[in-house]
Amino acid sequence: MTSSPIRILVVEDHHVVRQGLIALLSVAEGVEVVAEAADGLEAMKQFESSYPDITLIDLRLPKMSGVEVIQRVRANHAQARFIVLTTYDGDEDIYRALQAGARAYLLKGMTVDVLLSTIRAVHAGKSCIPPVIAQRLAERMSTEQLTQREQDVLEQIVRGKSNKEIGTELEISEATVKTHINNLLGKLGVSDRTQAATAAIQRGLVQLESQGDIRL
């Protein structure tokens, strides 16, 4: 008797990419796509209705992020297995996804063979972290973490706010804002606000809904 196929839920907001993944998996041996979703809330619903063996999920999704989906599902289904499939390779993105419980983290440039081997490995109870992703994670673990207030200030910097505007928004003095900025510049290893904003976006420390949110 042949074993049952690995049941897959595909979560991807870009229609063409989602349908492409489904088409590739539909002709692969030993796997079966049982559900799909285009946003985080729909992913939650589809998981509860289909109970897939593996969920392929992007990080940046409408309505609810991929990390939040992983956290919420695993809170009720600790055995749920997720593979992150994304274009984002920022060290903070990787760290948050793996902390949430993802078993693998793949970039969308991977080959079909790599995707299928990862699905089979995760289904067998293994974790799969490619060397380049492991390196980024190691870099993240070796850097000093921002405090919550430094994170708040950094988000305001990315949105182009002045020190005075940041102080008003966070209800702190301009002098305190400057102190937080000096501290976060040191932790990020950059010398000015523009470099800090760039590093924040590249590393996934600050996530924006649209490029229109950026004002440098």
Protein backbone atom coordinates (compact mmCIF):
# COMPACT_ATOMS: atom_id res chain seq x y z
CA MET A 1 0.00 0.00 0.00
CA THR A 2 1.23 3.50 -0.80
CA SER A 3 1.39 6.10 1.97
CA SER A 4 -1.05 8.99 2.02
CA PRO A 5 0.15 12.20 0.34
CA ILE A 6 1.42 15.09 2.45
CA ARG A 7 -1.49 17.52 2.72
CA ILE A 8 -0.49 21.14 2.02
CA LEU A 9 -2.06 24.54 2.76
CA VAL A 10 -0.61 27.33 0.58
CA VAL A 11 -0.80 30.86 2.04
CA GLU A 12 0.32 33.58 -0.37
CA ASP A 13 -1.31 36.94 -1.12
CA HIS A 14 -0.03 37.28 -4.70
CA HIS A 15 -2.46 35.35 -6.88
CA VAL A 16 -0.01 34.42 -9.64
CA VAL A 17 2.61 33.19 -7.17
CA ARG A 18 0.02 31.22 -5.21
CA GLN A 19 -1.40 29.56 -8.29
CA GLY A 20 2.12 28.83 -9.54
CA LEU A 21 2.98 27.03 -6.30
CA ILE A 22 -0.25 25.07 -6.43
CA ALA A 23 0.42 24.08 -10.05
CA LEU A 24 3.95 22.90 -9.21
CA LEU A 25 2.81 20.92 -6.20
CA SER A 26 -0.13 19.37 -8.05
CA VAL A 27 2.21 17.41 -10.31
CA ALA A 28 4.68 16.44 -7.58
CA GLU A 29 4.64 12.93 -6.20
CA GLY A 30 3.55 12.41 -2.62
CA VAL A 31 2.02 15.83 -1.92
CA GLU A 32 -1.48 17.25 -2.26
CA VAL A 33 -2.69 20.86 -1.94
CA VAL A 34 -5.85 20.70 0.17
CA ALA A 35 -6.45 24.43 0.71
CA GLU A 36 -5.20 27.92 -0.14
CA ALA A 37 -5.46 31.38 1.38
CA ALA A 38 -4.63 34.93 0.28
CA ASP A 39 -4.43 36.61 3.70
CA GLY A 40 -3.73 35.84 7.34
CA LEU A 41 -7.32 35.61 8.53
CA GLU A 42 -8.26 33.26 5.69
CA ALA A 43 -5.19 31.17 6.53
CA MET A 44 -6.51 30.69 10.07
CA LYS A 45 -9.91 29.59 8.75
CA GLN A 46 -8.45 27.25 6.15
CA PHE A 47 -6.16 25.62 8.70
CA GLU A 48 -9.06 24.91 11.04
CA SER A 49 -11.17 23.45 8.24
CA SER A 50 -8.51 21.37 6.49
CA TYR A 51 -5.91 20.55 9.18
CA PRO A 52 -2.99 20.29 6.71
CA ASP A 53 0.19 18.37 7.44
CA ILE A 54 2.30 21.31 6.23
CA THR A 55 1.48 25.00 5.76
CA LEU A 56 3.56 26.99 3.26
CA ILE A 57 3.24 30.62 4.33
CA ASP A 58 4.58 34.02 3.32
CA LEU A 59 5.56 36.53 6.01
CA ARG A 60 3.95 39.70 4.70
CA LEU A 61 0.22 39.06 4.38
CA PRO A 62 -2.87 41.30 4.46
CA LYS A 63 -4.98 41.38 7.65
CA MET A 64 -2.54 39.31 9.74
CA SER A 65 1.19 38.65 9.35
CA GLY A 66 2.60 35.22 8.69
CA VAL A 67 4.36 35.25 12.07
CA GLU A 68 1.10 36.00 13.87
CA VAL A 69 -0.68 33.20 11.99
CA ILE A 70 2.03 30.76 13.05
CA GLN A 71 1.82 31.93 16.68
CA ARG A 72 -1.97 31.72 16.84
CA VAL A 73 -2.30 28.36 15.14
CA ARG A 74 0.45 26.77 17.22
CA ALA A 75 -1.13 28.10 20.41
CA ASN A 76 -4.01 25.67 19.76
CA HIS A 77 -2.22 23.09 17.62
CA ALA A 78 1.33 22.64 18.90
CA GLN A 79 1.99 19.94 16.32
CA ALA A 80 1.26 22.29 13.37
CA ARG A 81 4.20 22.47 10.96
CA PHE A 82 4.97 25.63 9.02
CA ILE A 83 7.43 26.38 6.24
CA VAL A 84 8.05 30.08 5.60
CA LEU A 85 8.36 30.80 1.89
CA THR A 86 9.23 34.45 1.32
CA THR A 87 11.34 37.03 -0.48
CA TYR A 88 12.42 38.58 2.83
CA ASP A 89 15.81 37.56 4.24
CA GLY A 90 16.20 40.19 6.97
CA ASP A 91 17.65 38.73 10.15
CA GLU A 92 14.75 39.99 12.28
CA ASP A 93 12.19 38.39 9.91
CA ILE A 94 14.03 35.08 10.20
CA TYR A 95 14.33 35.33 13.98
CA ARG A 96 10.64 36.11 14.52
CA ALA A 97 9.45 33.35 12.21
CA LEU A 98 11.60 30.68 13.84
CA GLN A 99 10.74 31.94 17.31
CA ALA A 100 7.06 31.60 16.40
CA GLY A 101 7.66 27.95 15.56
CA ALA A 102 8.36 27.73 11.83
CA ARG A 103 10.26 24.53 10.98
CA ALA A 104 11.90 25.88 7.81
CA TYR A 105 12.63 29.21 6.15
CA LEU A 106 13.01 29.31 2.37
CA LEU A 107 13.52 32.17 -0.06
CA LYS A 108 11.35 32.18 -3.17
CA GLY A 109 14.33 31.75 -5.46
CA MET A 110 14.75 28.13 -4.34
CA THR A 111 14.30 25.24 -6.78
CA VAL A 112 11.30 22.92 -6.85
CA ASP A 113 13.55 20.08 -5.68
CA VAL A 114 14.60 22.08 -2.62
CA LEU A 115 10.98 22.95 -1.83
CA LEU A 116 9.85 19.33 -2.09
CA SER A 117 12.77 17.97 -0.08
CA THR A 118 12.06 20.57 2.61
CA ILE A 119 8.37 19.64 2.72
CA ARG A 120 9.26 15.97 3.14
CA ALA A 121 11.88 16.68 5.79
CA VAL A 122 9.55 18.90 7.85
CA HIS A 123 6.78 16.31 7.52
CA ALA A 124 9.25 13.78 8.95
CA GLY A 125 9.76 16.00 11.98
CA LYS A 126 12.97 17.73 10.96
CA SER A 127 13.86 21.42 10.72
CA CYS A 128 15.47 22.85 7.59
CA ILE A 129 17.46 26.07 7.70
CA PRO A 130 19.62 26.78 4.61
CA PRO A 131 23.19 27.94 5.35
CA VAL A 132 22.57 31.54 4.20
CA ILE A 133 19.55 31.78 6.51
CA ALA A 134 21.49 30.23 9.40
CA GLN A 135 24.18 32.86 8.90
CA ARG A 136 21.65 35.69 9.05
CA LEU A 137 20.15 34.19 12.20
CA ALA A 138 23.58 33.96 13.80
CA GLU A 139 24.17 37.63 12.98
CA ARG A 140 20.85 38.51 14.61
CA MET A 141 21.72 36.56 17.75
CA SER A 142 25.10 38.28 18.05
CA THR A 143 23.74 41.84 17.93
CA GLU A 144 22.41 43.76 20.91
CA GLN A 145 18.61 43.93 20.89
CA LEU A 146 16.79 47.27 20.83
CA THR A 147 14.67 48.23 23.81
CA GLN A 148 10.96 48.74 23.17
CA ARG A 149 11.38 52.52 23.35
CA GLU A 150 14.32 52.43 20.92
CA GLN A 151 12.16 50.33 18.61
CA ASP A 152 9.36 52.93 18.87
CA VAL A 153 11.79 55.73 18.01
CA LEU A 154 13.23 53.77 15.10
CA GLU A 155 9.75 53.25 13.62
CA GLN A 156 9.15 56.99 13.77
CA ILE A 157 12.52 57.68 12.11
CA VAL A 158 11.62 55.35 9.23
CA ARG A 159 8.42 57.35 8.78
CA GLY A 160 10.43 60.55 8.46
CA LYS A 161 9.48 62.17 11.76
CA SER A 162 11.66 64.89 13.29
CA ASN A 163 12.95 64.65 16.86
CA LYS A 164 10.25 67.10 17.96
CA GLU A 165 7.53 65.09 16.22
CA ILE A 166 8.85 61.86 17.73
CA GLY A 167 8.85 63.42 21.19
CA THR A 168 5.26 64.57 20.76
CA GLU A 169 4.14 61.20 19.42
CA LEU A 170 5.82 59.21 22.20
CA GLU A 171 5.26 61.84 24.91
CA ILE A 172 8.93 62.20 25.75
CA SER A 173 11.35 65.15 25.58
CA GLU A 174 13.53 65.91 22.56
CA ALA A 175 16.60 65.29 24.72
CA THR A 176 15.32 61.81 25.52
CA VAL A 177 14.63 61.20 21.82
CA LYS A 178 18.24 62.13 21.01
CA THR A 179 19.50 59.71 23.67
CA HIS A 180 17.43 56.87 22.23
CA ILE A 181 18.65 57.70 18.71
CA ASN A 182 22.30 57.66 19.78
CA ASN A 183 21.78 54.31 21.48
CA LEU A 184 20.01 52.68 18.53
CA LEU A 185 22.58 54.02 16.04
CA GLY A 186 25.26 52.25 18.04
CA LYS A 187 23.32 49.00 18.25
CA LEU A 188 22.58 49.03 14.52
CA GLY A 189 26.18 49.93 13.66
CA VAL A 190 25.21 52.98 11.59
CA SER A 191 26.14 56.65 11.75
CA ASP A 192 22.98 58.59 10.90
CA ARG A 193 19.20 58.49 10.67
CA THR A 194 19.06 57.60 6.98
CA GLN A 195 21.35 54.61 7.49
CA ALA A 196 19.26 53.59 10.51
CA ALA A 197 16.06 53.67 8.45
CA THR A 198 17.67 51.67 5.66
CA ALA A 199 19.00 49.06 8.09
CA ALA A 200 15.63 48.83 9.82
CA ILE A 201 13.85 48.01 6.57
CA GLN A 202 16.50 45.62 5.26
CA ARG A 203 16.66 43.68 8.51
CA GLY A 204 12.90 43.55 8.97
CA LEU A 205 12.99 45.58 12.20
CA VAL A 206 10.32 47.88 10.80
CA GLN A 207 7.64 46.63 8.44
CA LEU A 208 5.76 49.05 6.22
CA GLU A 209 2.42 48.56 4.53
CA SER A 210 3.54 50.52 1.46
CA GLN A 211 6.55 52.39 0.13
CA GLY A 212 4.53 55.57 0.60
CA ASP A 213 5.14 55.20 4.33
CA ILE A 214 8.83 55.99 3.84
CA ARG A 215 9.88 59.62 4.04
CA LEU A 216 13.64 60.09 4.30
